[in-house]
Amino acid sequence: MSDCPGEYELRDIVHTVRYQGLVIVIDHVPAEVCTVCGDILFKPETVRRIEEIIRSRTAPSQLVPLYEYA
């Protein structure tokens, strides 16, 4: 447990995962987010759904540009 005084609130976030050399961006992921430090917590069912999306490899709904910090 951290010493952060913030409270967690439910928000939809953009979650980014690197999987087998691919960068996968998932929008509208429900998460508990700390109002002070920004720490993110997922419910177990959310983690399972994220894993399902990653494994399914269906066509993405959009393509996004990827920039490298060089």
PDB file of N, CA and C in Angstrom:
ATOM      1  N   MET A   1       0.845  -1.186   0.000  1.00  0.00           N
ATOM      2  CA  MET A   1       0.000   0.000   0.000  1.00  0.00           C
ATOM      3  C   MET A   1       0.887   1.244   0.000  1.00  0.00           C
ATOM      4  N   SER A   2       0.556   2.198  -0.850  1.00  0.00           N
ATOM      5  CA  SER A   2       1.379   3.404  -0.925  1.00  0.00           C
ATOM      6  C   SER A   2       0.866   4.461   0.053  1.00  0.00           C
ATOM      7  N   ASP A   3       1.621   5.531   0.174  1.00  0.00           N
ATOM      8  CA  ASP A   3       1.236   6.623   1.057  1.00  0.00           C
ATOM      9  C   ASP A   3       0.473   7.710   0.322  1.00  0.00           C
ATOM     10  N   CYS A   4       0.038   7.441  -0.882  1.00  0.00           N
ATOM     11  CA  CYS A   4      -0.687   8.428  -1.679  1.00  0.00           C
ATOM     12  C   CYS A   4      -2.045   8.708  -1.025  1.00  0.00           C
ATOM     13  N   PRO A   5      -2.401   9.978  -0.884  1.00  0.00           N
ATOM     14  CA  PRO A   5      -3.680  10.321  -0.248  1.00  0.00           C
ATOM     15  C   PRO A   5      -4.873  10.275  -1.212  1.00  0.00           C
ATOM     16  N   GLY A   6      -4.627   9.944  -2.465  1.00  0.00           N
ATOM     17  CA  GLY A   6      -5.703   9.964  -3.452  1.00  0.00           C
ATOM     18  C   GLY A   6      -6.724   8.862  -3.274  1.00  0.00           C
ATOM     19  N   GLU A   7      -7.841   9.026  -3.953  1.00  0.00           N
ATOM     20  CA  GLU A   7      -8.895   8.025  -3.960  1.00  0.00           C
ATOM     21  C   GLU A   7      -9.049   7.506  -5.383  1.00  0.00           C
ATOM     22  N   TYR A   8      -9.504   6.280  -5.503  1.00  0.00           N
ATOM     23  CA  TYR A   8      -9.697   5.683  -6.821  1.00  0.00           C
ATOM     24  C   TYR A   8     -11.101   5.982  -7.317  1.00  0.00           C
ATOM     25  N   GLU A   9     -11.177   6.305  -8.609  1.00  0.00           N
ATOM     26  CA  GLU A   9     -12.481   6.517  -9.234  1.00  0.00           C
ATOM     27  C   GLU A   9     -12.524   5.770 -10.557  1.00  0.00           C
ATOM     28  N   LEU A  10     -13.715   5.355 -10.941  1.00  0.00           N
ATOM     29  CA  LEU A  10     -13.891   4.604 -12.178  1.00  0.00           C
ATOM     30  C   LEU A  10     -13.786   5.545 -13.373  1.00  0.00           C
ATOM     31  N   ARG A  11     -12.928   5.170 -14.318  1.00  0.00           N
ATOM     32  CA  ARG A  11     -12.749   5.937 -15.559  1.00  0.00           C
ATOM     33  C   ARG A  11     -12.553   4.964 -16.707  1.00  0.00           C
ATOM     34  N   ASP A  12     -12.823   5.428 -17.901  1.00  0.00           N
ATOM     35  CA  ASP A  12     -12.459   4.687 -19.108  1.00  0.00           C
ATOM     36  C   ASP A  12     -11.130   5.245 -19.579  1.00  0.00           C
ATOM     37  N   ILE A  13     -10.167   4.352 -19.824  1.00  0.00           N
ATOM     38  CA  ILE A  13      -8.829   4.783 -20.217  1.00  0.00           C
ATOM     39  C   ILE A  13      -8.434   4.167 -21.554  1.00  0.00           C
ATOM     40  N   VAL A  14      -7.329   4.639 -22.087  1.00  0.00           N
ATOM     41  CA  VAL A  14      -6.686   4.030 -23.250  1.00  0.00           C
ATOM     42  C   VAL A  14      -5.547   3.179 -22.693  1.00  0.00           C
ATOM     43  N   HIS A  15      -5.561   1.890 -23.012  1.00  0.00           N
ATOM     44  CA  HIS A  15      -4.544   0.966 -22.485  1.00  0.00           C
ATOM     45  C   HIS A  15      -3.680   0.471 -23.642  1.00  0.00           C
ATOM     46  N   THR A  16      -2.372   0.567 -23.477  1.00  0.00           N
ATOM     47  CA  THR A  16      -1.427   0.156 -24.511  1.00  0.00           C
ATOM     48  C   THR A  16      -0.633  -1.044 -24.035  1.00  0.00           C
ATOM     49  N   VAL A  17      -0.500  -2.042 -24.923  1.00  0.00           N
ATOM     50  CA  VAL A  17       0.204  -3.280 -24.606  1.00  0.00           C
ATOM     51  C   VAL A  17       1.163  -3.597 -25.746  1.00  0.00           C
ATOM     52  N   ARG A  18       2.370  -4.050 -25.429  1.00  0.00           N
ATOM     53  CA  ARG A  18       3.276  -4.569 -26.449  1.00  0.00           C
ATOM     54  C   ARG A  18       3.206  -6.087 -26.346  1.00  0.00           C
ATOM     55  N   TYR A  19       2.827  -6.734 -27.465  1.00  0.00           N
ATOM     56  CA  TYR A  19       2.619  -8.175 -27.468  1.00  0.00           C
ATOM     57  C   TYR A  19       3.215  -8.769 -28.740  1.00  0.00           C
ATOM     58  N   GLN A  20       4.185  -9.640 -28.590  1.00  0.00           N
ATOM     59  CA  GLN A  20       4.852 -10.305 -29.706  1.00  0.00           C
ATOM     60  C   GLN A  20       5.296  -9.309 -30.783  1.00  0.00           C
ATOM     61  N   GLY A  21       5.904  -8.226 -30.346  1.00  0.00           N
ATOM     62  CA  GLY A  21       6.431  -7.225 -31.259  1.00  0.00           C
ATOM     63  C   GLY A  21       5.402  -6.235 -31.782  1.00  0.00           C
ATOM     64  N   LEU A  22       4.134  -6.407 -31.426  1.00  0.00           N
ATOM     65  CA  LEU A  22       3.084  -5.493 -31.863  1.00  0.00           C
ATOM     66  C   LEU A  22       2.723  -4.542 -30.730  1.00  0.00           C
ATOM     67  N   VAL A  23       2.367  -3.322 -31.100  1.00  0.00           N
ATOM     68  CA  VAL A  23       1.835  -2.383 -30.126  1.00  0.00           C
ATOM     69  C   VAL A  23       0.321  -2.390 -30.312  1.00  0.00           C
ATOM     70  N   ILE A  24      -0.387  -2.742 -29.255  1.00  0.00           N
ATOM     71  CA  ILE A  24      -1.842  -2.843 -29.311  1.00  0.00           C
ATOM     72  C   ILE A  24      -2.428  -1.779 -28.395  1.00  0.00           C
ATOM     73  N   VAL A  25      -3.326  -0.962 -28.935  1.00  0.00           N
ATOM     74  CA  VAL A  25      -3.962   0.104 -28.173  1.00  0.00           C
ATOM     75  C   VAL A  25      -5.445  -0.236 -28.048  1.00  0.00           C
ATOM     76  N   ILE A  26      -5.933  -0.268 -26.816  1.00  0.00           N
ATOM     77  CA  ILE A  26      -7.331  -0.594 -26.560  1.00  0.00           C
ATOM     78  C   ILE A  26      -7.982   0.613 -25.885  1.00  0.00           C
ATOM     79  N   ASP A  27      -9.028   1.130 -26.503  1.00  0.00           N
ATOM     80  CA  ASP A  27      -9.709   2.321 -25.999  1.00  0.00           C
ATOM     81  C   ASP A  27     -10.912   1.927 -25.146  1.00  0.00           C
ATOM     82  N   HIS A  28     -11.315   2.820 -24.281  1.00  0.00           N
ATOM     83  CA  HIS A  28     -12.514   2.670 -23.446  1.00  0.00           C
ATOM     84  C   HIS A  28     -12.418   1.482 -22.481  1.00  0.00           C
ATOM     85  N   VAL A  29     -11.247   1.301 -21.862  1.00  0.00           N
ATOM     86  CA  VAL A  29     -11.050   0.211 -20.899  1.00  0.00           C
ATOM     87  C   VAL A  29     -11.452   0.723 -19.518  1.00  0.00           C
ATOM     88  N   PRO A  30     -12.392   0.048 -18.845  1.00  0.00           N
ATOM     89  CA  PRO A  30     -12.775   0.495 -17.501  1.00  0.00           C
ATOM     90  C   PRO A  30     -11.651   0.210 -16.505  1.00  0.00           C
ATOM     91  N   ALA A  31     -11.330   1.210 -15.695  1.00  0.00           N
ATOM     92  CA  ALA A  31     -10.253   1.069 -14.717  1.00  0.00           C
ATOM     93  C   ALA A  31     -10.533   1.952 -13.521  1.00  0.00           C
ATOM     94  N   GLU A  32      -9.962   1.566 -12.400  1.00  0.00           N
ATOM     95  CA  GLU A  32      -9.975   2.414 -11.205  1.00  0.00           C
ATOM     96  C   GLU A  32      -8.680   3.226 -11.264  1.00  0.00           C
ATOM     97  N   VAL A  33      -8.791   4.556 -11.246  1.00  0.00           N
ATOM     98  CA  VAL A  33      -7.636   5.432 -11.398  1.00  0.00           C
ATOM     99  C   VAL A  33      -7.532   6.348 -10.184  1.00  0.00           C
ATOM    100  N   CYS A  34      -6.329   6.416  -9.604  1.00  0.00           N
ATOM    101  CA  CYS A  34      -6.097   7.291  -8.455  1.00  0.00           C
ATOM    102  C   CYS A  34      -6.173   8.750  -8.904  1.00  0.00           C
ATOM    103  N   THR A  35      -6.908   9.557  -8.150  1.00  0.00           N
ATOM    104  CA  THR A  35      -7.099  10.959  -8.493  1.00  0.00           C
ATOM    105  C   THR A  35      -5.855  11.808  -8.261  1.00  0.00           C
ATOM    106  N   VAL A  36      -4.880  11.282  -7.506  1.00  0.00           N
ATOM    107  CA  VAL A  36      -3.670  12.053  -7.216  1.00  0.00           C
ATOM    108  C   VAL A  36      -2.475  11.552  -8.028  1.00  0.00           C
ATOM    109  N   CYS A  37      -2.151  10.269  -7.890  1.00  0.00           N
ATOM    110  CA  CYS A  37      -0.914   9.763  -8.510  1.00  0.00           C
ATOM    111  C   CYS A  37      -1.138   9.088  -9.864  1.00  0.00           C
ATOM    112  N   GLY A  38      -2.400   8.810 -10.219  1.00  0.00           N
ATOM    113  CA  GLY A  38      -2.677   8.204 -11.517  1.00  0.00           C
ATOM    114  C   GLY A  38      -2.504   6.693 -11.566  1.00  0.00           C
ATOM    115  N   ASP A  39      -2.260   6.053 -10.426  1.00  0.00           N
ATOM    116  CA  ASP A  39      -2.140   4.592 -10.389  1.00  0.00           C
ATOM    117  C   ASP A  39      -3.410   3.977 -10.972  1.00  0.00           C
ATOM    118  N   ILE A  40      -3.239   2.875 -11.698  1.00  0.00           N
ATOM    119  CA  ILE A  40      -4.364   2.242 -12.392  1.00  0.00           C
ATOM    120  C   ILE A  40      -4.551   0.822 -11.873  1.00  0.00           C
ATOM    121  N   LEU A  41      -5.798   0.467 -11.581  1.00  0.00           N
ATOM    122  CA  LEU A  41      -6.161  -0.883 -11.168  1.00  0.00           C
ATOM    123  C   LEU A  41      -7.232  -1.417 -12.111  1.00  0.00           C
ATOM    124  N   PHE A  42      -7.075  -2.679 -12.513  1.00  0.00           N
ATOM    125  CA  PHE A  42      -8.076  -3.338 -13.343  1.00  0.00           C
ATOM    126  C   PHE A  42      -8.760  -4.427 -12.525  1.00  0.00           C
ATOM    127  N   LYS A  43     -10.049  -4.633 -12.769  1.00  0.00           N
ATOM    128  CA  LYS A  43     -10.753  -5.769 -12.186  1.00  0.00           C
ATOM    129  C   LYS A  43     -10.321  -7.019 -12.943  1.00  0.00           C
ATOM    130  N   PRO A  44     -10.381  -8.190 -12.289  1.00  0.00           N
ATOM    131  CA  PRO A  44      -9.963  -9.437 -12.957  1.00  0.00           C
ATOM    132  C   PRO A  44     -10.685  -9.683 -14.276  1.00  0.00           C
ATOM    133  N   GLU A  45     -11.972  -9.379 -14.352  1.00  0.00           N
ATOM    134  CA  GLU A  45     -12.708  -9.598 -15.602  1.00  0.00           C
ATOM    135  C   GLU A  45     -12.231  -8.657 -16.717  1.00  0.00           C
ATOM    136  N   THR A  46     -11.758  -7.485 -16.340  1.00  0.00           N
ATOM    137  CA  THR A  46     -11.208  -6.553 -17.331  1.00  0.00           C
ATOM    138  C   THR A  46      -9.892  -7.097 -17.883  1.00  0.00           C
ATOM    139  N   VAL A  47      -9.050  -7.637 -17.001  1.00  0.00           N
ATOM    140  CA  VAL A  47      -7.780  -8.233 -17.434  1.00  0.00           C
ATOM    141  C   VAL A  47      -8.055  -9.401 -18.391  1.00  0.00           C
ATOM    142  N   ARG A  48      -9.033 -10.233 -18.047  1.00  0.00           N
ATOM    143  CA  ARG A  48      -9.378 -11.365 -18.926  1.00  0.00           C
ATOM    144  C   ARG A  48      -9.855 -10.883 -20.289  1.00  0.00           C
ATOM    145  N   ARG A  49     -10.648  -9.816 -20.311  1.00  0.00           N
ATOM    146  CA  ARG A  49     -11.145  -9.281 -21.589  1.00  0.00           C
ATOM    147  C   ARG A  49     -10.003  -8.696 -22.405  1.00  0.00           C
ATOM    148  N   ILE A  50      -9.073  -7.994 -21.768  1.00  0.00           N
ATOM    149  CA  ILE A  50      -7.904  -7.451 -22.473  1.00  0.00           C
ATOM    150  C   ILE A  50      -7.106  -8.593 -23.097  1.00  0.00           C
ATOM    151  N   GLU A  51      -6.870  -9.650 -22.323  1.00  0.00           N
ATOM    152  CA  GLU A  51      -6.134 -10.809 -22.845  1.00  0.00           C
ATOM    153  C   GLU A  51      -6.863 -11.442 -24.022  1.00  0.00           C
ATOM    154  N   GLU A  52      -8.185 -11.512 -23.939  1.00  0.00           N
ATOM    155  CA  GLU A  52      -9.013 -12.055 -25.017  1.00  0.00           C
ATOM    156  C   GLU A  52      -8.864 -11.216 -26.292  1.00  0.00           C
ATOM    157  N   ILE A  53      -8.913  -9.912 -26.139  1.00  0.00           N
ATOM    158  CA  ILE A  53      -8.766  -9.003 -27.289  1.00  0.00           C
ATOM    159  C   ILE A  53      -7.400  -9.194 -27.934  1.00  0.00           C
ATOM    160  N   ILE A  54      -6.358  -9.285 -27.118  1.00  0.00           N
ATOM    161  CA  ILE A  54      -4.998  -9.450 -27.633  1.00  0.00           C
ATOM    162  C   ILE A  54      -4.853 -10.767 -28.379  1.00  0.00           C
ATOM    163  N   ARG A  55      -5.380 -11.829 -27.812  1.00  0.00           N
ATOM    164  CA  ARG A  55      -5.260 -13.151 -28.445  1.00  0.00           C
ATOM    165  C   ARG A  55      -6.105 -13.284 -29.710  1.00  0.00           C
ATOM    166  N   SER A  56      -7.224 -12.586 -29.784  1.00  0.00           N
ATOM    167  CA  SER A  56      -8.140 -12.755 -30.910  1.00  0.00           C
ATOM    168  C   SER A  56      -7.557 -12.238 -32.223  1.00  0.00           C
ATOM    169  N   ARG A  57      -6.746 -11.204 -32.122  1.00  0.00           N
ATOM    170  CA  ARG A  57      -6.102 -10.614 -33.298  1.00  0.00           C
ATOM    171  C   ARG A  57      -7.096 -10.298 -34.424  1.00  0.00           C
ATOM    172  N   THR A  58      -8.301  -9.878 -34.067  1.00  0.00           N
ATOM    173  CA  THR A  58      -9.248  -9.446 -35.079  1.00  0.00           C
ATOM    174  C   THR A  58      -8.779  -8.111 -35.651  1.00  0.00           C
ATOM    175  N   ALA A  59      -9.346  -7.717 -36.757  1.00  0.00           N
ATOM    176  CA  ALA A  59      -8.962  -6.453 -37.380  1.00  0.00           C
ATOM    177  C   ALA A  59      -9.294  -5.299 -36.431  1.00  0.00           C
ATOM    178  N   PRO A  60      -8.369  -4.357 -36.269  1.00  0.00           N
ATOM    179  CA  PRO A  60      -8.637  -3.221 -35.381  1.00  0.00           C
ATOM    180  C   PRO A  60      -9.715  -2.311 -35.957  1.00  0.00           C
ATOM    181  N   SER A  61     -10.389  -1.592 -35.083  1.00  0.00           N
ATOM    182  CA  SER A  61     -11.434  -0.676 -35.542  1.00  0.00           C
ATOM    183  C   SER A  61     -10.834   0.590 -36.141  1.00  0.00           C
ATOM    184  N   GLN A  62      -9.581   0.906 -35.768  1.00  0.00           N
ATOM    185  CA  GLN A  62      -8.881   2.068 -36.318  1.00  0.00           C
ATOM    186  C   GLN A  62      -7.392   1.770 -36.341  1.00  0.00           C
ATOM    187  N   LEU A  63      -6.659   2.531 -37.139  1.00  0.00           N
ATOM    188  CA  LEU A  63      -5.202   2.476 -37.127  1.00  0.00           C
ATOM    189  C   LEU A  63      -4.696   3.792 -36.561  1.00  0.00           C
ATOM    190  N   VAL A  64      -3.633   3.717 -35.755  1.00  0.00           N
ATOM    191  CA  VAL A  64      -3.082   4.927 -35.153  1.00  0.00           C
ATOM    192  C   VAL A  64      -1.614   5.060 -35.539  1.00  0.00           C
ATOM    193  N   PRO A  65      -1.125   6.297 -35.672  1.00  0.00           N
ATOM    194  CA  PRO A  65       0.293   6.478 -35.984  1.00  0.00           C
ATOM    195  C   PRO A  65       1.152   6.085 -34.784  1.00  0.00           C
ATOM    196  N   LEU A  66       2.322   5.563 -35.071  1.00  0.00           N
ATOM    197  CA  LEU A  66       3.272   5.182 -34.031  1.00  0.00           C
ATOM    198  C   LEU A  66       4.575   5.931 -34.280  1.00  0.00           C
ATOM    199  N   TYR A  67       5.018   6.676 -33.305  1.00  0.00           N
ATOM    200  CA  TYR A  67       6.255   7.441 -33.416  1.00  0.00           C
ATOM    201  C   TYR A  67       7.287   6.870 -32.471  1.00  0.00           C
ATOM    202  N   GLU A  68       8.543   6.882 -32.894  1.00  0.00           N
ATOM    203  CA  GLU A  68       9.629   6.418 -32.037  1.00  0.00           C
ATOM    204  C   GLU A  68      10.345   7.602 -31.434  1.00  0.00           C
ATOM    205  N   TYR A  69      10.642   7.502 -30.175  1.00  0.00           N
ATOM    206  CA  TYR A  69      11.416   8.517 -29.485  1.00  0.00           C
ATOM    207  C   TYR A  69      12.877   8.156 -29.686  1.00  0.00           C
ATOM    208  N   ALA A  70      13.540   8.903 -30.529  1.00  0.00           N
ATOM    209  CA  ALA A  70      14.934   8.565 -30.861  1.00  0.00           C
ATOM    210  C   ALA A  70      15.877   9.633 -30.365  1.00  0.00           C
TER     211      ALA A  70
END
